[in-house]
């Protein structure tokens, strides 16, 4: 027969084993949780100027010239005619100016050792050529494309900075398509944005660079302005905040409404500035009361817009702390060409 002391020994050993199992289970839960960061640092980079951007800029100059009865130049007319080739606009290469932008910002980031110093663990980019070319030129990261030759796509060979763990290409990062501007297909675009945010929250990396498109970033963040070509922005993303298609729709609509109001305000300011200037010209220079006719802030208001990076911008769905780090310096490019 088993003695009482032996029974007690077995009970004690069993209890200790169960306690150790529970402890191990708790440790596993904590480890699994900490492997998925709640807050991530995200770097958003808009692609360099594309041939599509160049053509649209030319078309815009023609429209502006029409309002002032100014004849358009030949190069703008030729570039505008190229817009008739719709497929070429959807996936166009970067323009000559775009290559200058990539070279300037790429050299600046390389000098700063940007990828390594910021601890970027993953780079994700749109599959469109202008985003691929920008990602390779600025971050030295782009996925390979074994299905095409380097003559068809100069980035086909692929590349990856040694400190980066992963480089991925995401279809859901494509720019808003012409069809997605239609009311019947509007949900397709906002659904893609919601899917991207869900994907981002599920990734194990906590420092990620995204190379994409202006309208996409603008809609995702509910902004009333677009990023400039090759702009580099830093912000935080709280993965614990739920995202949904309906939430993206509401915030995107808010951003579009804000942009409309901003444009109306700018138009009103411009009209008031013109009226003020006309009033100043019409007032007799010898009238000692001339100054009293002007608003107190007439000399202080120079019509310049504040840099968005200096403002605290309220962002939706877990996004926060939007800060501009780098942008293309057109004056520097002009100086380089002149020298």
Protein backbone atom coordinates (compact mmCIF):
# COMPACT_ATOMS: atom_id res chain seq x y z
CA UNK A 1 0.00 0.00 0.00
CA UNK A 2 1.02 3.58 -0.65
CA UNK A 3 1.81 5.61 2.43
CA UNK A 4 0.33 9.05 3.13
CA UNK A 5 3.74 10.67 2.65
CA UNK A 6 4.08 9.17 -0.82
CA UNK A 7 0.57 10.40 -1.78
CA UNK A 8 1.43 13.88 -0.56
CA UNK A 9 4.65 13.81 -2.58
CA UNK A 10 2.74 12.88 -5.76
CA UNK A 11 0.12 15.60 -5.17
CA UNK A 12 2.83 18.22 -4.58
CA UNK A 13 4.71 17.23 -7.74
CA UNK A 14 1.51 17.25 -9.83
CA UNK A 15 0.52 20.69 -8.52
CA UNK A 16 3.95 22.09 -9.32
CA UNK A 17 3.81 20.67 -12.86
CA UNK A 18 0.38 22.22 -13.48
CA UNK A 19 1.61 25.56 -12.15
CA UNK A 20 4.64 25.43 -14.45
CA UNK A 21 2.42 24.63 -17.43
CA UNK A 22 0.17 27.60 -16.62
CA UNK A 23 3.22 29.83 -16.25
CA UNK A 24 4.61 28.66 -19.60
CA UNK A 25 1.22 29.27 -21.22
CA UNK A 26 1.08 32.83 -19.87
CA UNK A 27 4.61 33.51 -21.10
CA UNK A 28 3.66 32.27 -24.56
CA UNK A 29 0.65 34.56 -24.66
CA UNK A 30 2.74 37.59 -23.69
CA UNK A 31 5.43 36.72 -26.23
CA UNK A 32 2.86 36.33 -29.01
CA UNK A 33 1.27 39.68 -28.13
CA UNK A 34 4.52 41.63 -28.02
CA UNK A 35 5.51 40.27 -31.47
CA UNK A 36 2.71 42.37 -33.00
CA UNK A 37 3.44 46.06 -32.30
CA UNK A 38 0.42 48.20 -31.46
CA UNK A 39 1.90 51.46 -32.79
CA UNK A 40 4.01 51.56 -35.94
CA UNK A 41 6.13 54.26 -37.54
CA UNK A 42 5.19 54.69 -41.19
CA UNK A 43 7.00 56.65 -43.91
CA UNK A 44 4.87 57.68 -46.88
CA UNK A 45 6.61 58.63 -50.12
CA UNK A 46 4.79 59.86 -53.20
CA UNK A 47 6.27 58.80 -56.53
CA UNK A 48 8.30 61.21 -58.69
CA UNK A 49 6.65 63.21 -61.45
CA UNK A 50 5.39 60.84 -64.13
CA UNK A 51 4.78 61.43 -67.82
CA UNK A 52 1.08 61.52 -66.93
CA UNK A 53 1.73 64.36 -64.44
CA UNK A 54 3.76 66.21 -67.08
CA UNK A 55 0.93 65.93 -69.62
CA UNK A 56 -1.68 67.07 -67.12
CA UNK A 57 0.47 70.07 -66.16
CA UNK A 58 0.69 71.01 -69.85
CA UNK A 59 -3.07 70.69 -70.25
CA UNK A 60 -3.56 72.87 -67.16
CA UNK A 61 -1.34 75.59 -68.62
CA UNK A 62 -3.41 75.53 -71.81
CA UNK A 63 -6.63 76.02 -69.82
CA UNK A 64 -5.09 78.90 -67.86
CA UNK A 65 -3.99 80.48 -71.12
CA UNK A 66 -7.52 80.29 -72.51
CA UNK A 67 -8.84 82.42 -69.65
CA UNK A 68 -6.30 85.15 -70.46
CA UNK A 69 -6.56 84.74 -74.26
CA UNK A 70 -2.94 83.58 -74.41
CA UNK A 71 -1.84 81.25 -77.19
CA UNK A 72 -0.51 77.88 -75.88
CA UNK A 73 3.00 76.82 -76.82
CA UNK A 74 3.59 73.85 -79.11
CA UNK A 75 5.11 71.56 -76.46
CA UNK A 76 2.06 71.92 -74.20
CA UNK A 77 -0.27 71.10 -77.11
CA UNK A 78 1.74 67.99 -78.04
CA UNK A 79 1.88 66.79 -74.42
CA UNK A 80 -1.87 67.37 -73.99
CA UNK A 81 -2.65 65.31 -77.08
CA UNK A 82 -0.81 62.38 -75.49
CA UNK A 83 -3.53 62.26 -72.82
CA UNK A 84 -5.78 60.59 -75.41
CA UNK A 85 -3.74 57.41 -74.87
CA UNK A 86 -5.54 56.43 -71.65
CA UNK A 87 -3.63 53.18 -70.87
CA UNK A 88 -0.33 55.11 -71.07
CA UNK A 89 -1.58 57.51 -68.38
CA UNK A 90 -2.54 54.74 -65.94
CA UNK A 91 0.95 53.18 -65.85
CA UNK A 92 3.48 55.72 -67.10
CA UNK A 93 7.21 56.03 -66.47
CA UNK A 94 8.67 58.93 -64.55
CA UNK A 95 9.38 62.05 -66.62
CA UNK A 96 12.72 63.79 -67.07
CA UNK A 97 11.86 66.07 -64.14
CA UNK A 98 10.84 62.97 -62.21
CA UNK A 99 14.31 61.49 -62.71
CA UNK A 100 15.82 64.72 -61.38
CA UNK A 101 13.57 64.48 -58.33
CA UNK A 102 14.57 60.87 -57.68
CA UNK A 103 18.27 61.67 -58.08
CA UNK A 104 18.09 64.64 -55.72
CA UNK A 105 16.06 62.95 -52.98
CA UNK A 106 17.86 59.63 -53.42
CA UNK A 107 21.24 61.33 -52.89
CA UNK A 108 19.90 63.19 -49.85
CA UNK A 109 18.52 60.03 -48.23
CA UNK A 110 21.71 58.13 -49.00
CA UNK A 111 23.81 60.87 -47.41
CA UNK A 112 21.64 60.71 -44.30
CA UNK A 113 21.79 56.91 -44.28
CA UNK A 114 18.00 57.27 -44.08
CA UNK A 115 16.92 53.63 -44.42
CA UNK A 116 19.36 52.40 -41.81
CA UNK A 117 19.09 55.32 -39.38
CA UNK A 118 15.28 55.20 -39.37
CA UNK A 119 15.37 51.45 -38.88
CA UNK A 120 13.10 50.68 -41.83
CA UNK A 121 12.33 46.97 -41.75
CA UNK A 122 9.97 46.66 -44.70
CA UNK A 123 9.30 48.59 -47.91
CA UNK A 124 5.95 48.24 -49.69
CA UNK A 125 5.27 49.86 -53.05
CA UNK A 126 2.57 50.14 -55.71
CA UNK A 127 3.00 47.94 -58.81
CA UNK A 128 2.81 50.96 -61.14
CA UNK A 129 6.10 51.81 -62.86
CA UNK A 130 6.41 55.34 -61.49
CA UNK A 131 6.19 54.02 -57.92
CA UNK A 132 8.61 51.15 -58.60
CA UNK A 133 11.16 53.53 -60.14
CA UNK A 134 10.83 55.92 -57.19
CA UNK A 135 11.17 53.14 -54.61
CA UNK A 136 14.32 51.82 -56.24
CA UNK A 137 15.86 55.27 -56.72
CA UNK A 138 15.12 56.65 -53.26
CA UNK A 139 15.16 53.58 -51.00
CA UNK A 140 17.20 51.10 -53.08
CA UNK A 141 14.30 48.68 -52.72
CA UNK A 142 11.96 47.19 -55.35
CA UNK A 143 10.57 43.74 -55.99
CA UNK A 144 11.93 41.77 -58.99
CA UNK A 145 9.75 41.18 -62.06
CA UNK A 146 10.88 37.93 -63.71
CA UNK A 147 8.02 38.17 -66.23
CA UNK A 148 9.51 41.17 -68.06
CA UNK A 149 12.90 42.32 -69.33
CA UNK A 150 14.83 45.35 -68.12
CA UNK A 151 14.10 46.97 -71.49
CA UNK A 152 10.38 46.80 -70.68
CA UNK A 153 10.85 47.81 -67.05
CA UNK A 154 14.16 49.24 -65.87
CA UNK A 155 13.43 48.01 -62.32
CA UNK A 156 12.72 44.40 -63.35
CA UNK A 157 15.91 43.01 -61.76
CA UNK A 158 14.78 44.15 -58.31
CA UNK A 159 16.91 45.35 -55.39
CA UNK A 160 16.90 45.43 -51.58
CA UNK A 161 18.87 47.49 -49.10
CA UNK A 162 20.86 45.15 -46.85
CA UNK A 163 19.24 46.44 -43.65
CA UNK A 164 15.67 45.94 -44.94
CA UNK A 165 14.03 42.61 -44.10
CA UNK A 166 11.30 42.55 -46.75
CA UNK A 167 10.24 44.32 -49.94
CA UNK A 168 6.68 43.72 -51.14
CA UNK A 169 4.49 44.94 -54.00
CA UNK A 170 0.81 45.49 -53.27
CA UNK A 171 -1.97 45.69 -55.86
CA UNK A 172 -4.18 47.46 -53.31
CA UNK A 173 -1.71 50.40 -53.32
CA UNK A 174 -2.49 51.33 -56.93
CA UNK A 175 -3.63 54.88 -57.59
CA UNK A 176 -7.33 55.58 -57.95
CA UNK A 177 -8.36 54.43 -61.43
CA UNK A 178 -10.59 56.43 -63.82
CA UNK A 179 -13.41 53.91 -63.23
CA UNK A 180 -13.13 54.37 -59.45
CA UNK A 181 -14.04 58.03 -59.85
CA UNK A 182 -17.49 56.98 -61.04
CA UNK A 183 -20.25 56.87 -58.37
CA UNK A 184 -20.99 53.22 -59.24
CA UNK A 185 -17.37 52.16 -58.55
CA UNK A 186 -16.52 54.57 -55.74
CA UNK A 187 -16.69 51.86 -53.07
CA UNK A 188 -13.99 49.83 -54.81
CA UNK A 189 -11.40 52.52 -54.06
CA UNK A 190 -12.27 53.03 -50.38
CA UNK A 191 -12.45 49.24 -49.94
CA UNK A 192 -8.86 48.97 -51.17
CA UNK A 193 -7.73 51.57 -48.64
CA UNK A 194 -9.48 49.72 -45.79
CA UNK A 195 -7.86 46.46 -46.94
CA UNK A 196 -4.43 48.10 -46.95
CA UNK A 197 -4.84 49.42 -43.40
CA UNK A 198 -5.93 45.96 -42.24
CA UNK A 199 -2.90 44.43 -43.95
CA UNK A 200 -0.61 47.02 -42.37
CA UNK A 201 -1.93 46.25 -38.88
CA UNK A 202 -1.25 42.52 -39.36
CA UNK A 203 2.42 42.83 -40.34
CA UNK A 204 5.08 42.00 -37.72
CA UNK A 205 7.34 44.93 -38.71
CA UNK A 206 6.92 48.21 -36.80
CA UNK A 207 8.89 50.58 -39.10
CA UNK A 208 7.60 50.51 -42.67
CA UNK A 209 8.10 52.69 -45.76
CA UNK A 210 5.27 52.94 -48.31
CA UNK A 211 5.83 54.27 -51.84
CA UNK A 212 2.55 55.18 -53.51
CA UNK A 213 0.29 57.83 -54.97
CA UNK A 214 -1.04 61.27 -54.09
CA UNK A 215 -4.80 60.69 -54.39
CA UNK A 216 -4.49 57.40 -52.49
CA UNK A 217 -2.61 58.97 -49.56
CA UNK A 218 -4.87 62.03 -49.58
CA UNK A 219 -8.03 59.91 -49.35
CA UNK A 220 -6.57 57.49 -46.80
CA UNK A 221 -5.61 60.31 -44.41
CA UNK A 222 -8.67 62.50 -45.10
CA UNK A 223 -6.43 65.42 -46.15
CA UNK A 224 -7.42 68.55 -48.06
CA UNK A 225 -4.09 68.65 -49.93
CA UNK A 226 -1.88 66.28 -51.90
CA UNK A 227 1.72 65.32 -51.23
CA UNK A 228 4.28 66.72 -53.67
CA UNK A 229 6.30 64.43 -55.93
CA UNK A 230 9.00 62.61 -53.92
CA UNK A 231 7.77 64.10 -50.63
CA UNK A 232 8.80 62.03 -47.59
CA UNK A 233 6.35 62.10 -44.66
CA UNK A 234 6.53 60.39 -41.28
CA UNK A 235 3.53 59.44 -39.17
CA UNK A 236 2.30 56.95 -36.58
CA UNK A 237 -0.27 54.20 -37.06
CA UNK A 238 -2.15 52.72 -34.09
CA UNK A 239 -3.03 49.14 -35.07
CA UNK A 240 -5.52 48.77 -32.22
CA UNK A 241 -7.92 51.26 -33.81
CA UNK A 242 -10.42 49.34 -35.97
CA UNK A 243 -10.67 50.20 -39.66
CA UNK A 244 -13.62 49.65 -42.00
CA UNK A 245 -14.75 50.50 -45.49
CA UNK A 246 -17.52 52.73 -44.15
CA UNK A 247 -15.06 54.61 -41.93
CA UNK A 248 -12.75 55.27 -44.88
CA UNK A 249 -15.70 56.54 -46.94
CA UNK A 250 -16.72 59.04 -44.27
CA UNK A 251 -13.18 60.34 -43.71
CA UNK A 252 -12.43 60.54 -47.45
CA UNK A 253 -15.60 62.57 -47.99
CA UNK A 254 -14.60 64.90 -45.14
CA UNK A 255 -11.22 65.48 -46.76
CA UNK A 256 -12.77 66.25 -50.15
CA UNK A 257 -15.20 68.71 -48.53
CA UNK A 258 -12.32 70.39 -46.70
CA UNK A 259 -10.39 70.81 -49.95
CA UNK A 260 -13.41 72.44 -51.62
CA UNK A 261 -13.79 74.87 -48.73
CA UNK A 262 -10.06 75.66 -48.83
CA UNK A 263 -10.19 76.43 -52.55
CA UNK A 264 -13.20 78.69 -52.07
CA UNK A 265 -11.40 80.50 -49.26
CA UNK A 266 -8.31 80.98 -51.43
CA UNK A 267 -10.47 82.34 -54.27
CA UNK A 268 -12.17 84.76 -51.88
CA UNK A 269 -8.82 85.91 -50.49
CA UNK A 270 -7.52 86.47 -54.00
CA UNK A 271 -10.58 88.54 -54.90
CA UNK A 272 -10.29 90.64 -51.74
CA UNK A 273 -6.58 91.16 -52.36
CA UNK A 274 -7.31 92.40 -55.89
CA UNK A 275 -10.01 94.77 -54.61
CA UNK A 276 -7.67 96.07 -51.92
CA UNK A 277 -4.91 96.75 -54.46
CA UNK A 278 -7.33 98.58 -56.74
CA UNK A 279 -8.54 100.68 -53.83
CA UNK A 280 -4.96 101.65 -52.97
CA UNK A 281 -4.28 102.73 -56.55
CA UNK A 282 -7.46 104.84 -56.68
CA UNK A 283 -6.85 106.70 -53.45
CA UNK A 284 -5.22 110.11 -53.89
CA UNK A 285 -1.57 109.88 -52.86
CA UNK A 286 -1.94 113.21 -51.04
CA UNK A 287 -4.85 112.03 -48.95
CA UNK A 288 -3.54 111.82 -45.40
CA UNK A 289 -6.34 109.45 -44.46
CA UNK A 290 -5.24 106.80 -46.95
CA UNK A 291 -4.00 104.40 -44.29
CA UNK A 292 -7.36 104.38 -42.52
CA UNK A 293 -9.02 102.85 -45.58
CA UNK A 294 -6.94 99.68 -45.29
CA UNK A 295 -7.53 96.77 -42.88
CA UNK A 296 -4.98 96.60 -40.04
CA UNK A 297 -3.49 93.38 -41.39
CA UNK A 298 -3.11 94.57 -44.98
CA UNK A 299 0.65 94.73 -44.76
CA UNK A 300 0.97 91.45 -42.87
CA UNK A 301 -1.13 89.35 -45.26
CA UNK A 302 1.15 88.26 -48.09
CA UNK A 303 -1.18 85.51 -49.30
CA UNK A 304 1.36 82.76 -48.63
CA UNK A 305 0.11 79.41 -47.44
CA UNK A 306 1.46 77.81 -44.29
CA UNK A 307 3.63 74.76 -44.67
CA UNK A 308 1.40 71.80 -43.79
CA UNK A 309 4.29 70.17 -41.93
CA UNK A 310 4.15 72.97 -39.33
CA UNK A 311 0.47 72.45 -38.56
CA UNK A 312 -1.05 69.85 -36.26
CA UNK A 313 -3.29 67.92 -38.63
CA UNK A 314 -6.05 65.76 -37.21
CA UNK A 315 -5.99 62.36 -38.90
CA UNK A 316 -8.55 59.51 -38.93
CA UNK A 317 -8.56 55.86 -37.80
CA UNK A 318 -5.37 55.57 -35.75
CA UNK A 319 -3.18 57.76 -37.95
CA UNK A 320 -1.37 60.60 -36.14
CA UNK A 321 1.65 62.92 -35.98
CA UNK A 322 2.00 63.65 -39.70
CA UNK A 323 5.35 65.36 -40.31
CA UNK A 324 7.09 66.28 -43.55
CA UNK A 325 10.75 65.25 -43.58
CA UNK A 326 11.90 65.91 -47.15
CA UNK A 327 10.70 67.48 -50.38
CA UNK A 328 12.13 68.23 -53.80
CA UNK A 329 14.01 71.53 -54.09
CA UNK A 330 13.43 72.91 -57.57
CA UNK A 331 15.95 75.72 -57.03
CA UNK A 332 18.68 73.22 -56.25
CA UNK A 333 17.91 71.38 -59.50
CA UNK A 334 18.12 74.63 -61.46
CA UNK A 335 21.47 75.47 -59.86
CA UNK A 336 22.83 72.02 -60.67
CA UNK A 337 21.82 72.26 -64.33
CA UNK A 338 23.28 75.77 -64.65
CA UNK A 339 26.61 74.68 -63.19
